Amino acid sequence: MLLSQIGNPDGSITVVAREGKEAYAVRGTKSVYDLVLDCIASGRADLAAHISAIGLGAALDLEGAYEEGRLLPPLTHPDPAHLHLTGTGLTHLGSAAARDAMHKNMSAADEETLTDSMRMFRMGLDGGKPANGAPGIQPEWFYKGNGASLAAPGGPLLSPAFAEDAGEEPEIAGIYVIGADGTPFRVGFALANEFSDHVMERRNYLYLAHSKLRPASFGPEIRIGPLPADVRGSSRILRAGKVVFEKPFLSGETNMSHSIANLEHHHFKYALFRQAGDVHVHMFGTATLSFADGVATQPGDEFEIEADDFGMPLRNRLVIDEGQPADRRMEVRGL
């Protein structure tokens, strides 16, 4: 089952459930957030079963709503400050050829000559999927922002004027709501664009934190249930309607050096991220970047990410936010 949200002219939200091509309104619920909280409170461990118990209403034209710009992110919080955008990196294996080359290089290299990135990746290979249920090695982790940084499917990704790059990162994100007792509940998984500044990151790895403070988008639909072990999708960039970049992207544990359970553990082990009612969108990383292929994005480019079993493609347009030019210092006023 896939879940999404349509924004209505009066400010209300229509919650949409879809199986196959048929999409229907979910009866008696104001938002996916409320739906999840109701499911948790009911004691049901199955969100799809909870939706079936509530019942479905009128059939809806979900693709038409997308074209009209009426789709919202598929899960939002009434207070954007309580939605957290975070992620992990160096978690995916990449292509078989690149993996083989990487293993050969690592086996021949002196440990002291490895970069921090390569050492982190190797740690994930060695300890990211513990077999005994114990915590594995912790991954690279980063913070992107809160709900103020969230772009709707079909909406613009605003790159600040001082940015040196504005590049897509096609990923799978886990979507979570924290229960009243601090228990994280996974709603499901969704496509995500973990939009970043790769030129800034390349200047110095310690600029990674800066490079990640950019908007992100996820959806348009949340896939309820476990993540398939082998996710195969496509990432493309369209410029004036023409494809200027297209490449497959892989995800799922078959293509990862960490298990999902291990990545979830190392995020939610912090009490900060177990505050009752908060929403978390946690992006699991990628091995596919147009930047790595020498593509320089331009304002107006449209990013499109899709994968089987995740519903409609995630589309966003690159827009430059001129609010803070690179040659102007940010003014802070004293009181």
C-alpha atoms as a PDB file:
ATOM      1  CA  MET A   1       0.000   0.000   0.000  1.00  0.00           C
ATOM      2  CA  LEU A   2       1.107   3.545  -0.819  1.00  0.00           C
ATOM      3  CA  LEU A   3       0.156   6.661   1.178  1.00  0.00           C
ATOM      4  CA  SER A   4       0.151  10.293   0.039  1.00  0.00           C
ATOM      5  CA  GLN A   5      -1.442  13.647   0.814  1.00  0.00           C
ATOM      6  CA  ILE A   6      -3.317  16.129  -1.364  1.00  0.00           C
ATOM      7  CA  GLY A   7      -3.607  19.755  -0.275  1.00  0.00           C
ATOM      8  CA  ASN A   8      -7.068  21.303  -0.701  1.00  0.00           C
ATOM      9  CA  PRO A   9      -7.936  24.972  -1.430  1.00  0.00           C
ATOM     10  CA  ASP A  10      -9.400  25.422   2.063  1.00  0.00           C
ATOM     11  CA  GLY A  11      -6.148  24.288   3.695  1.00  0.00           C
ATOM     12  CA  SER A  12      -7.391  20.816   4.598  1.00  0.00           C
ATOM     13  CA  ILE A  13      -5.611  17.611   3.619  1.00  0.00           C
ATOM     14  CA  THR A  14      -6.963  14.551   1.844  1.00  0.00           C
ATOM     15  CA  VAL A  15      -5.143  11.368   2.825  1.00  0.00           C
ATOM     16  CA  VAL A  16      -4.790   8.985  -0.120  1.00  0.00           C
ATOM     17  CA  ALA A  17      -4.225   5.218  -0.072  1.00  0.00           C
ATOM     18  CA  ARG A  18      -3.317   3.371  -3.239  1.00  0.00           C
ATOM     19  CA  GLU A  19      -2.825  -0.238  -4.262  1.00  0.00           C
ATOM     20  CA  GLY A  20      -2.069  -0.772  -7.916  1.00  0.00           C
ATOM     21  CA  LYS A  21      -3.428   2.071 -10.042  1.00  0.00           C
ATOM     22  CA  GLU A  22      -6.495   2.824  -7.916  1.00  0.00           C
ATOM     23  CA  ALA A  23      -6.238   5.674  -5.400  1.00  0.00           C
ATOM     24  CA  TYR A  24      -8.868   6.410  -2.758  1.00  0.00           C
ATOM     25  CA  ALA A  25      -9.398   8.919   0.032  1.00  0.00           C
ATOM     26  CA  VAL A  26      -8.976   7.499   3.536  1.00  0.00           C
ATOM     27  CA  ARG A  27     -12.108   8.218   5.532  1.00  0.00           C
ATOM     28  CA  GLY A  28     -12.208  10.199   8.740  1.00  0.00           C
ATOM     29  CA  THR A  29      -8.603  11.325   9.003  1.00  0.00           C
ATOM     30  CA  LYS A  30      -7.136  14.815   8.751  1.00  0.00           C
ATOM     31  CA  SER A  31      -3.572  13.918   7.771  1.00  0.00           C
ATOM     32  CA  VAL A  32      -1.159  11.015   7.509  1.00  0.00           C
ATOM     33  CA  TYR A  33       0.365  12.257  10.773  1.00  0.00           C
ATOM     34  CA  ASP A  34      -2.975  11.925  12.564  1.00  0.00           C
ATOM     35  CA  LEU A  35      -3.560   8.567  10.888  1.00  0.00           C
ATOM     36  CA  VAL A  36      -0.252   7.223  12.227  1.00  0.00           C
ATOM     37  CA  LEU A  37      -0.873   8.548  15.743  1.00  0.00           C
ATOM     38  CA  ASP A  38      -4.332   6.942  15.718  1.00  0.00           C
ATOM     39  CA  CYS A  39      -2.807   3.654  14.585  1.00  0.00           C
ATOM     40  CA  ILE A  40      -0.225   3.754  17.394  1.00  0.00           C
ATOM     41  CA  ALA A  41      -2.896   4.601  19.987  1.00  0.00           C
ATOM     42  CA  SER A  42      -5.121   1.770  18.746  1.00  0.00           C
ATOM     43  CA  GLY A  43      -2.450  -0.799  19.495  1.00  0.00           C
ATOM     44  CA  ARG A  44      -2.511  -2.158  15.963  1.00  0.00           C
ATOM     45  CA  ALA A  45       0.902  -3.139  14.632  1.00  0.00           C
ATOM     46  CA  ASP A  46      -0.219  -2.939  11.013  1.00  0.00           C
ATOM     47  CA  LEU A  47      -0.899   0.441   9.404  1.00  0.00           C
ATOM     48  CA  ALA A  48      -2.459  -1.122   6.296  1.00  0.00           C
ATOM     49  CA  ALA A  49      -4.889  -3.061   8.499  1.00  0.00           C
ATOM     50  CA  HIS A  50      -5.701   0.148  10.395  1.00  0.00           C
ATOM     51  CA  ILE A  51      -6.540   1.892   7.136  1.00  0.00           C
ATOM     52  CA  SER A  52      -8.737  -1.036   6.081  1.00  0.00           C
ATOM     53  CA  ALA A  53     -10.576  -0.809   9.399  1.00  0.00           C
ATOM     54  CA  ILE A  54     -11.198   2.921   8.894  1.00  0.00           C
ATOM     55  CA  GLY A  55     -12.339   2.404   5.323  1.00  0.00           C
ATOM     56  CA  LEU A  56     -11.807   4.096   1.991  1.00  0.00           C
ATOM     57  CA  GLY A  57     -13.927   6.749   0.334  1.00  0.00           C
ATOM     58  CA  ALA A  58     -14.056   8.311  -3.102  1.00  0.00           C
ATOM     59  CA  ALA A  59     -11.683   7.422  -5.920  1.00  0.00           C
ATOM     60  CA  LEU A  60      -9.135  10.169  -6.673  1.00  0.00           C
ATOM     61  CA  ASP A  61      -7.003  11.274  -9.610  1.00  0.00           C
ATOM     62  CA  LEU A  62      -3.632  11.274  -7.888  1.00  0.00           C
ATOM     63  CA  GLU A  63      -1.592  11.914 -11.014  1.00  0.00           C
ATOM     64  CA  GLY A  64      -3.861  14.833 -11.901  1.00  0.00           C
ATOM     65  CA  ALA A  65      -3.303  16.334  -8.453  1.00  0.00           C
ATOM     66  CA  TYR A  66       0.450  15.949  -8.985  1.00  0.00           C
ATOM     67  CA  GLU A  67       0.285  17.772 -12.321  1.00  0.00           C
ATOM     68  CA  GLU A  68      -1.735  20.551 -10.695  1.00  0.00           C
ATOM     69  CA  GLY A  69       0.872  21.021  -7.952  1.00  0.00           C
ATOM     70  CA  ARG A  70      -1.461  19.928  -5.149  1.00  0.00           C
ATOM     71  CA  LEU A  71       0.589  17.089  -3.694  1.00  0.00           C
ATOM     72  CA  LEU A  72       2.091  17.677  -0.263  1.00  0.00           C
ATOM     73  CA  PRO A  73       4.967  15.758   1.272  1.00  0.00           C
ATOM     74  CA  PRO A  74       3.370  12.439   2.229  1.00  0.00           C
ATOM     75  CA  LEU A  75       3.938  13.026   5.953  1.00  0.00           C
ATOM     76  CA  THR A  76       4.245  16.387   7.655  1.00  0.00           C
ATOM     77  CA  HIS A  77       4.106  17.671  11.241  1.00  0.00           C
ATOM     78  CA  PRO A  78       1.748  20.492  12.303  1.00  0.00           C
ATOM     79  CA  ASP A  79       4.854  22.288  13.641  1.00  0.00           C
ATOM     80  CA  PRO A  80       7.652  22.109  11.016  1.00  0.00           C
ATOM     81  CA  ALA A  81      10.283  22.428  13.758  1.00  0.00           C
ATOM     82  CA  HIS A  82       9.310  18.925  14.907  1.00  0.00           C
ATOM     83  CA  LEU A  83      10.129  17.269  11.574  1.00  0.00           C
ATOM     84  CA  HIS A  84      13.784  16.264  11.280  1.00  0.00           C
ATOM     85  CA  LEU A  85      15.681  15.709   8.023  1.00  0.00           C
ATOM     86  CA  THR A  86      18.787  13.579   8.552  1.00  0.00           C
ATOM     87  CA  GLY A  87      20.832  11.012   6.698  1.00  0.00           C
ATOM     88  CA  THR A  88      23.747   8.633   6.494  1.00  0.00           C
ATOM     89  CA  GLY A  89      26.516   8.368   3.926  1.00  0.00           C
ATOM     90  CA  LEU A  90      29.067   5.814   2.721  1.00  0.00           C
ATOM     91  CA  THR A  91      26.418   3.097   3.066  1.00  0.00           C
ATOM     92  CA  HIS A  92      26.076   1.786  -0.497  1.00  0.00           C
ATOM     93  CA  LEU A  93      28.315  -0.607  -2.373  1.00  0.00           C
ATOM     94  CA  GLY A  94      27.988   0.881  -5.854  1.00  0.00           C
ATOM     95  CA  SER A  95      28.473  -1.134  -9.019  1.00  0.00           C
ATOM     96  CA  ALA A  96      30.073  -4.569  -8.968  1.00  0.00           C
ATOM     97  CA  ALA A  97      33.080  -3.330 -10.966  1.00  0.00           C
ATOM     98  CA  ALA A  98      33.681  -0.389  -8.640  1.00  0.00           C
ATOM     99  CA  ARG A  99      33.271  -2.671  -5.640  1.00  0.00           C
ATOM    100  CA  ASP A 100      35.824  -5.156  -6.950  1.00  0.00           C
ATOM    101  CA  ALA A 101      38.307  -2.369  -7.638  1.00  0.00           C
ATOM    102  CA  MET A 102      37.708  -0.918  -4.187  1.00  0.00           C
ATOM    103  CA  HIS A 103      38.335  -4.260  -2.485  1.00  0.00           C
ATOM    104  CA  LYS A 104      41.573  -4.755  -4.427  1.00  0.00           C
ATOM    105  CA  ASN A 105      42.785  -1.287  -3.537  1.00  0.00           C
ATOM    106  CA  MET A 106      41.916  -1.730   0.123  1.00  0.00           C
ATOM    107  CA  SER A 107      43.560  -5.123   0.445  1.00  0.00           C
ATOM    108  CA  ALA A 108      46.759  -3.783  -1.072  1.00  0.00           C
ATOM    109  CA  ALA A 109      46.791  -0.430   0.714  1.00  0.00           C
ATOM    110  CA  ASP A 110      48.490   0.335   3.983  1.00  0.00           C
ATOM    111  CA  GLU A 111      45.847   1.207   6.576  1.00  0.00           C
ATOM    112  CA  GLU A 112      47.541   4.535   7.242  1.00  0.00           C
ATOM    113  CA  THR A 113      47.229   5.627   3.595  1.00  0.00           C
ATOM    114  CA  LEU A 114      43.444   5.208   3.422  1.00  0.00           C
ATOM    115  CA  THR A 115      41.353   8.374   3.374  1.00  0.00           C
ATOM    116  CA  ASP A 116      38.867   8.870   6.198  1.00  0.00           C
ATOM    117  CA  SER A 117      36.044   8.203   3.715  1.00  0.00           C
ATOM    118  CA  MET A 118      37.569   4.927   2.564  1.00  0.00           C
ATOM    119  CA  ARG A 119      38.265   3.894   6.154  1.00  0.00           C
ATOM    120  CA  MET A 120      34.634   4.653   7.103  1.00  0.00           C
ATOM    121  CA  PHE A 121      33.365   2.660   4.133  1.00  0.00           C
ATOM    122  CA  ARG A 122      35.593  -0.268   5.064  1.00  0.00           C
ATOM    123  CA  MET A 123      34.315  -0.164   8.648  1.00  0.00           C
ATOM    124  CA  GLY A 124      30.780  -0.479   7.274  1.00  0.00           C
ATOM    125  CA  LEU A 125      31.728  -3.464   5.142  1.00  0.00           C
ATOM    126  CA  ASP A 126      33.292  -5.148   8.154  1.00  0.00           C
ATOM    127  CA  GLY A 127      30.692  -4.314  10.787  1.00  0.00           C
ATOM    128  CA  GLY A 128      27.577  -2.724   9.283  1.00  0.00           C
ATOM    129  CA  LYS A 129      25.486  -5.899   9.213  1.00  0.00           C
ATOM    130  CA  PRO A 130      26.005  -7.749  12.510  1.00  0.00           C
ATOM    131  CA  ALA A 131      24.455 -11.214  12.419  1.00  0.00           C
ATOM    132  CA  ASN A 132      23.643 -11.569  16.114  1.00  0.00           C
ATOM    133  CA  GLY A 133      21.203  -8.683  16.465  1.00  0.00           C
ATOM    134  CA  ALA A 134      23.705  -6.547  18.383  1.00  0.00           C
ATOM    135  CA  PRO A 135      24.514  -2.980  17.251  1.00  0.00           C
ATOM    136  CA  GLY A 136      26.996  -2.808  14.399  1.00  0.00           C
ATOM    137  CA  ILE A 137      29.516  -0.113  13.553  1.00  0.00           C
ATOM    138  CA  GLN A 138      28.041   3.364  13.478  1.00  0.00           C
ATOM    139  CA  PRO A 139      27.794   5.061  10.049  1.00  0.00           C
ATOM    140  CA  GLU A 140      28.608   8.550   8.900  1.00  0.00           C
ATOM    141  CA  TRP A 141      25.659  10.730   9.950  1.00  0.00           C
ATOM    142  CA  PHE A 142      24.508  14.234   8.999  1.00  0.00           C
ATOM    143  CA  TYR A 143      21.760  16.747   9.697  1.00  0.00           C
ATOM    144  CA  LYS A 144      19.942  18.547   6.882  1.00  0.00           C
ATOM    145  CA  GLY A 145      17.295  20.617   8.621  1.00  0.00           C
ATOM    146  CA  ASN A 146      13.727  20.583   9.842  1.00  0.00           C
ATOM    147  CA  GLY A 147      10.347  20.903   8.145  1.00  0.00           C
ATOM    148  CA  ALA A 148      11.257  24.412   6.976  1.00  0.00           C
ATOM    149  CA  SER A 149      13.756  22.735   4.615  1.00  0.00           C
ATOM    150  CA  LEU A 150      11.241  20.283   3.177  1.00  0.00           C
ATOM    151  CA  ALA A 151      10.183  20.688  -0.467  1.00  0.00           C
ATOM    152  CA  ALA A 152       6.929  19.169  -1.680  1.00  0.00           C
ATOM    153  CA  PRO A 153       6.950  16.685  -4.556  1.00  0.00           C
ATOM    154  CA  GLY A 154       6.799  18.778  -7.712  1.00  0.00           C
ATOM    155  CA  GLY A 155       7.968  21.850  -5.799  1.00  0.00           C
ATOM    156  CA  PRO A 156      11.227  23.792  -6.103  1.00  0.00           C
ATOM    157  CA  LEU A 157      14.477  22.862  -4.421  1.00  0.00           C
ATOM    158  CA  LEU A 158      15.892  26.225  -3.375  1.00  0.00           C
ATOM    159  CA  SER A 159      19.660  26.448  -3.599  1.00  0.00           C
ATOM    160  CA  PRO A 160      21.162  29.467  -1.789  1.00  0.00           C
ATOM    161  CA  ALA A 161      22.937  32.025  -3.943  1.00  0.00           C
ATOM    162  CA  PHE A 162      26.188  31.375  -2.060  1.00  0.00           C
ATOM    163  CA  ALA A 163      26.117  27.651  -2.932  1.00  0.00           C
ATOM    164  CA  GLU A 164      28.866  26.271  -5.161  1.00  0.00           C
ATOM    165  CA  ASP A 165      26.816  23.362  -6.472  1.00  0.00           C
ATOM    166  CA  ALA A 166      23.214  22.160  -6.439  1.00  0.00           C
ATOM    167  CA  GLY A 167      23.178  18.428  -7.034  1.00  0.00           C
ATOM    168  CA  GLU A 168      20.660  15.636  -6.591  1.00  0.00           C
ATOM    169  CA  GLU A 169      21.154  12.503  -4.506  1.00  0.00           C
ATOM    170  CA  PRO A 170      18.591   9.768  -5.292  1.00  0.00           C
ATOM    171  CA  GLU A 171      17.928   7.824  -2.114  1.00  0.00           C
ATOM    172  CA  ILE A 172      15.470   5.790  -0.099  1.00  0.00           C
ATOM    173  CA  ALA A 173      14.305   7.381   3.143  1.00  0.00           C
ATOM    174  CA  GLY A 174      12.786   5.782   6.205  1.00  0.00           C
ATOM    175  CA  ILE A 175       9.764   7.690   7.547  1.00  0.00           C
ATOM    176  CA  TYR A 176       9.131   7.602  11.319  1.00  0.00           C
ATOM    177  CA  VAL A 177       6.840   8.988  13.999  1.00  0.00           C
ATOM    178  CA  ILE A 178       7.801   8.847  17.689  1.00  0.00           C
ATOM    179  CA  GLY A 179       5.166   7.387  19.996  1.00  0.00           C
ATOM    180  CA  ALA A 180       4.054   8.868  23.306  1.00  0.00           C
ATOM    181  CA  ASP A 181       6.498   6.657  25.240  1.00  0.00           C
ATOM    182  CA  GLY A 182       9.465   7.544  23.010  1.00  0.00           C
ATOM    183  CA  THR A 183       9.264   4.461  20.789  1.00  0.00           C
ATOM    184  CA  PRO A 184      10.134   5.120  17.116  1.00  0.00           C
ATOM    185  CA  PHE A 185       7.491   3.743  14.747  1.00  0.00           C
ATOM    186  CA  ARG A 186       8.436   3.254  11.101  1.00  0.00           C
ATOM    187  CA  VAL A 187       5.609   4.336   8.795  1.00  0.00           C
ATOM    188  CA  GLY A 188       7.380   3.039   5.697  1.00  0.00           C
ATOM    189  CA  PHE A 189       9.868   4.035   3.029  1.00  0.00           C
ATOM    190  CA  ALA A 190       9.863   6.644   0.268  1.00  0.00           C
ATOM    191  CA  LEU A 191      11.948   7.991  -2.578  1.00  0.00           C
ATOM    192  CA  ALA A 192      14.018  10.993  -1.544  1.00  0.00           C
ATOM    193  CA  ASN A 193      16.217  13.646  -3.106  1.00  0.00           C
ATOM    194  CA  GLU A 194      18.960  14.410  -0.587  1.00  0.00           C
ATOM    195  CA  PHE A 195      19.967  17.624  -2.347  1.00  0.00           C
ATOM    196  CA  SER A 196      23.568  18.713  -1.557  1.00  0.00           C
ATOM    197  CA  ASP A 197      26.481  21.005  -2.458  1.00  0.00           C
ATOM    198  CA  HIS A 198      29.142  18.616  -3.742  1.00  0.00           C
ATOM    199  CA  VAL A 199      31.684  21.267  -4.770  1.00  0.00           C
ATOM    200  CA  MET A 200      31.755  22.623  -1.221  1.00  0.00           C
ATOM    201  CA  GLU A 201      32.137  19.121   0.198  1.00  0.00           C
ATOM    202  CA  ARG A 202      34.980  18.352  -2.200  1.00  0.00           C
ATOM    203  CA  ARG A 203      36.956  21.414  -1.068  1.00  0.00           C
ATOM    204  CA  ASN A 204      37.398  19.890   2.351  1.00  0.00           C
ATOM    205  CA  TYR A 205      35.652  16.921   3.906  1.00  0.00           C
ATOM    206  CA  LEU A 206      35.108  18.982   7.076  1.00  0.00           C
ATOM    207  CA  TYR A 207      32.719  21.099   4.991  1.00  0.00           C
ATOM    208  CA  LEU A 208      30.349  18.115   4.749  1.00  0.00           C
ATOM    209  CA  ALA A 209      28.090  19.580   7.447  1.00  0.00           C
ATOM    210  CA  HIS A 210      27.777  22.849   5.495  1.00  0.00           C
ATOM    211  CA  SER A 211      27.171  21.041   2.219  1.00  0.00           C
ATOM    212  CA  LYS A 212      24.195  19.132   3.645  1.00  0.00           C
ATOM    213  CA  LEU A 213      22.321  22.206   4.911  1.00  0.00           C
ATOM    214  CA  ARG A 214      20.126  22.293   1.837  1.00  0.00           C
ATOM    215  CA  PRO A 215      16.470  21.430   1.178  1.00  0.00           C
ATOM    216  CA  ALA A 216      15.303  17.876   0.600  1.00  0.00           C
ATOM    217  CA  SER A 217      12.200  16.283  -0.833  1.00  0.00           C
ATOM    218  CA  PHE A 218      10.610  12.878  -0.355  1.00  0.00           C
ATOM    219  CA  GLY A 219       7.623  11.026  -1.734  1.00  0.00           C
ATOM    220  CA  PRO A 220       5.273  11.561  -3.459  1.00  0.00           C
ATOM    221  CA  GLU A 221       4.136   8.340  -1.778  1.00  0.00           C
ATOM    222  CA  ILE A 222       5.198   6.300   1.246  1.00  0.00           C
ATOM    223  CA  ARG A 223       5.491   2.566   0.725  1.00  0.00           C
ATOM    224  CA  ILE A 224       4.063   0.815   3.784  1.00  0.00           C
ATOM    225  CA  GLY A 225       5.867  -2.349   4.832  1.00  0.00           C
ATOM    226  CA  PRO A 226       9.466  -3.564   4.746  1.00  0.00           C
ATOM    227  CA  LEU A 227      12.058  -2.228   2.340  1.00  0.00           C
ATOM    228  CA  PRO A 228      12.741  -4.623  -0.563  1.00  0.00           C
ATOM    229  CA  ALA A 229      16.210  -6.121  -0.329  1.00  0.00           C
ATOM    230  CA  ASP A 230      17.089  -5.055  -3.878  1.00  0.00           C
ATOM    231  CA  VAL A 231      15.735  -1.657  -4.960  1.00  0.00           C
ATOM    232  CA  ARG A 232      16.453  -0.646  -8.549  1.00  0.00           C
ATOM    233  CA  GLY A 233      15.528   2.791  -9.783  1.00  0.00           C
ATOM    234  CA  SER A 234      16.503   5.584 -12.142  1.00  0.00           C
ATOM    235  CA  SER A 235      17.751   9.104 -11.587  1.00  0.00           C
ATOM    236  CA  ARG A 236      17.584  11.666 -14.371  1.00  0.00           C
ATOM    237  CA  ILE A 237      17.913  15.388 -14.998  1.00  0.00           C
ATOM    238  CA  LEU A 238      15.798  17.151 -17.597  1.00  0.00           C
ATOM    239  CA  ARG A 239      16.804  20.534 -19.029  1.00  0.00           C
ATOM    240  CA  ALA A 240      14.253  22.329 -21.162  1.00  0.00           C
ATOM    241  CA  GLY A 241      12.422  19.026 -21.477  1.00  0.00           C
ATOM    242  CA  LYS A 242      15.459  17.044 -22.658  1.00  0.00           C
ATOM    243  CA  VAL A 243      17.292  14.411 -20.627  1.00  0.00           C
ATOM    244  CA  VAL A 244      20.873  15.561 -19.913  1.00  0.00           C
ATOM    245  CA  PHE A 245      21.656  12.857 -17.345  1.00  0.00           C
ATOM    246  CA  GLU A 246      20.191   9.438 -16.644  1.00  0.00           C
ATOM    247  CA  LYS A 247      21.598   6.592 -14.615  1.00  0.00           C
ATOM    248  CA  PRO A 248      20.326   3.669 -12.540  1.00  0.00           C
ATOM    249  CA  PHE A 249      20.507   3.836  -8.766  1.00  0.00           C
ATOM    250  CA  LEU A 250      20.489   0.871  -6.411  1.00  0.00           C
ATOM    251  CA  SER A 251      19.390   0.603  -2.797  1.00  0.00           C
ATOM    252  CA  GLY A 252      18.100  -1.991  -0.367  1.00  0.00           C
ATOM    253  CA  GLU A 253      20.290  -4.106   1.885  1.00  0.00           C
ATOM    254  CA  THR A 254      21.574  -6.231  -1.018  1.00  0.00           C
ATOM    255  CA  ASN A 255      23.331  -3.100  -2.271  1.00  0.00           C
ATOM    256  CA  MET A 256      24.326  -1.656   1.105  1.00  0.00           C
ATOM    257  CA  SER A 257      27.182  -2.112   3.549  1.00  0.00           C
ATOM    258  CA  HIS A 258      24.859  -1.477   6.529  1.00  0.00           C
ATOM    259  CA  SER A 259      21.566  -3.069   7.473  1.00  0.00           C
ATOM    260  CA  ILE A 260      18.534  -0.804   7.830  1.00  0.00           C
ATOM    261  CA  ALA A 261      18.218  -1.949  11.457  1.00  0.00           C
ATOM    262  CA  ASN A 262      21.783  -0.826  12.156  1.00  0.00           C
ATOM    263  CA  LEU A 263      21.228   2.610  10.581  1.00  0.00           C
ATOM    264  CA  GLU A 264      17.998   3.023  12.526  1.00  0.00           C
ATOM    265  CA  HIS A 265      19.683   2.013  15.786  1.00  0.00           C
ATOM    266  CA  HIS A 266      22.458   4.567  15.448  1.00  0.00           C
ATOM    267  CA  HIS A 267      19.978   7.354  14.705  1.00  0.00           C
ATOM    268  CA  PHE A 268      17.424   6.618  17.400  1.00  0.00           C
ATOM    269  CA  LYS A 269      19.928   5.660  20.107  1.00  0.00           C
ATOM    270  CA  TYR A 270      20.029   9.397  20.871  1.00  0.00           C
ATOM    271  CA  ALA A 271      17.237  10.474  23.234  1.00  0.00           C
ATOM    272  CA  LEU A 272      17.079  13.756  21.318  1.00  0.00           C
ATOM    273  CA  PHE A 273      15.531  11.826  18.426  1.00  0.00           C
ATOM    274  CA  ARG A 274      12.969  10.014  20.560  1.00  0.00           C
ATOM    275  CA  GLN A 275      10.800  12.978  21.523  1.00  0.00           C
ATOM    276  CA  ALA A 276       7.107  12.093  21.559  1.00  0.00           C
ATOM    277  CA  GLY A 277       5.234  13.145  18.432  1.00  0.00           C
ATOM    278  CA  ASP A 278       8.271  14.107  16.354  1.00  0.00           C
ATOM    279  CA  VAL A 279       8.582  13.082  12.699  1.00  0.00           C
ATOM    280  CA  HIS A 280      11.858  11.818  11.223  1.00  0.00           C
ATOM    281  CA  VAL A 281      12.802  11.504   7.566  1.00  0.00           C
ATOM    282  CA  HIS A 282      16.091   9.589   7.574  1.00  0.00           C
ATOM    283  CA  MET A 283      17.850   9.177   4.220  1.00  0.00           C
ATOM    284  CA  PHE A 284      19.985   6.078   3.768  1.00  0.00           C
ATOM    285  CA  GLY A 285      22.532   7.185   1.150  1.00  0.00           C
ATOM    286  CA  THR A 286      23.292   6.549  -2.520  1.00  0.00           C
ATOM    287  CA  ALA A 287      26.015   5.517  -4.941  1.00  0.00           C
ATOM    288  CA  THR A 288      24.664   7.532  -7.905  1.00  0.00           C
ATOM    289  CA  LEU A 289      25.411  11.231  -8.427  1.00  0.00           C
ATOM    290  CA  SER A 290      25.345  13.279 -11.633  1.00  0.00           C
ATOM    291  CA  PHE A 291      28.158  15.357 -10.110  1.00  0.00           C
ATOM    292  CA  ALA A 292      30.422  12.303 -10.157  1.00  0.00           C
ATOM    293  CA  ASP A 293      29.842  12.117 -13.920  1.00  0.00           C
ATOM    294  CA  GLY A 294      30.846  15.741 -14.423  1.00  0.00           C
ATOM    295  CA  VAL A 295      27.342  17.187 -14.747  1.00  0.00           C
ATOM    296  CA  ALA A 296      26.900  20.800 -13.610  1.00  0.00           C
ATOM    297  CA  THR A 297      23.257  21.524 -12.848  1.00  0.00           C
ATOM    298  CA  GLN A 298      21.548  24.738 -13.941  1.00  0.00           C
ATOM    299  CA  PRO A 299      18.572  26.725 -12.622  1.00  0.00           C
ATOM    300  CA  GLY A 300      15.392  25.295 -14.074  1.00  0.00           C
ATOM    301  CA  ASP A 301      16.721  21.730 -14.264  1.00  0.00           C
ATOM    302  CA  GLU A 302      14.176  19.140 -13.194  1.00  0.00           C
ATOM    303  CA  PHE A 303      15.305  16.186 -11.092  1.00  0.00           C
ATOM    304  CA  GLU A 304      13.312  12.981 -11.489  1.00  0.00           C
ATOM    305  CA  ILE A 305      13.790   9.908  -9.296  1.00  0.00           C
ATOM    306  CA  GLU A 306      11.757   6.725  -9.662  1.00  0.00           C
ATOM    307  CA  ALA A 307      11.801   3.088  -8.591  1.00  0.00           C
ATOM    308  CA  ASP A 308       9.390   0.189  -8.930  1.00  0.00           C
ATOM    309  CA  ASP A 309       7.076  -0.341  -5.942  1.00  0.00           C
ATOM    310  CA  PHE A 310       7.483   3.252  -4.715  1.00  0.00           C
ATOM    311  CA  GLY A 311       4.677   4.835  -6.703  1.00  0.00           C
ATOM    312  CA  MET A 312       4.947   7.960  -8.788  1.00  0.00           C
ATOM    313  CA  PRO A 313       8.342   9.536  -9.579  1.00  0.00           C
ATOM    314  CA  LEU A 314       9.704  12.237  -7.298  1.00  0.00           C
ATOM    315  CA  ARG A 315      10.141  15.427  -9.324  1.00  0.00           C
ATOM    316  CA  ASN A 316      11.633  18.728  -8.208  1.00  0.00           C
ATOM    317  CA  ARG A 317      12.943  21.796 -10.034  1.00  0.00           C
ATOM    318  CA  LEU A 318      16.186  23.609  -9.196  1.00  0.00           C
ATOM    319  CA  VAL A 319      15.645  27.256  -8.241  1.00  0.00           C
ATOM    320  CA  ILE A 320      18.282  29.698  -6.957  1.00  0.00           C
ATOM    321  CA  ASP A 321      17.280  31.535  -3.784  1.00  0.00           C
ATOM    322  CA  GLU A 322      18.723  35.035  -4.112  1.00  0.00           C
ATOM    323  CA  GLY A 323      17.964  35.943  -0.498  1.00  0.00           C
ATOM    324  CA  GLN A 324      21.590  35.801   0.643  1.00  0.00           C
ATOM    325  CA  PRO A 325      24.106  36.670  -2.107  1.00  0.00           C
ATOM    326  CA  ALA A 326      27.593  35.257  -1.730  1.00  0.00           C
ATOM    327  CA  ASP A 327      29.192  38.725  -1.635  1.00  0.00           C
ATOM    328  CA  ARG A 328      27.032  40.068   1.200  1.00  0.00           C
ATOM    329  CA  ARG A 329      27.695  39.324   4.855  1.00  0.00           C
ATOM    330  CA  MET A 330      24.732  38.203   6.919  1.00  0.00           C
ATOM    331  CA  GLU A 331      23.814  40.996   9.304  1.00  0.00           C
ATOM    332  CA  VAL A 332      23.198  40.118  12.930  1.00  0.00           C
ATOM    333  CA  ARG A 333      21.758  42.857  15.129  1.00  0.00           C
ATOM    334  CA  GLY A 334      22.479  43.268  18.791  1.00  0.00           C
ATOM    335  CA  LEU A 335      19.781  44.071  21.323  1.00  0.00           C
END
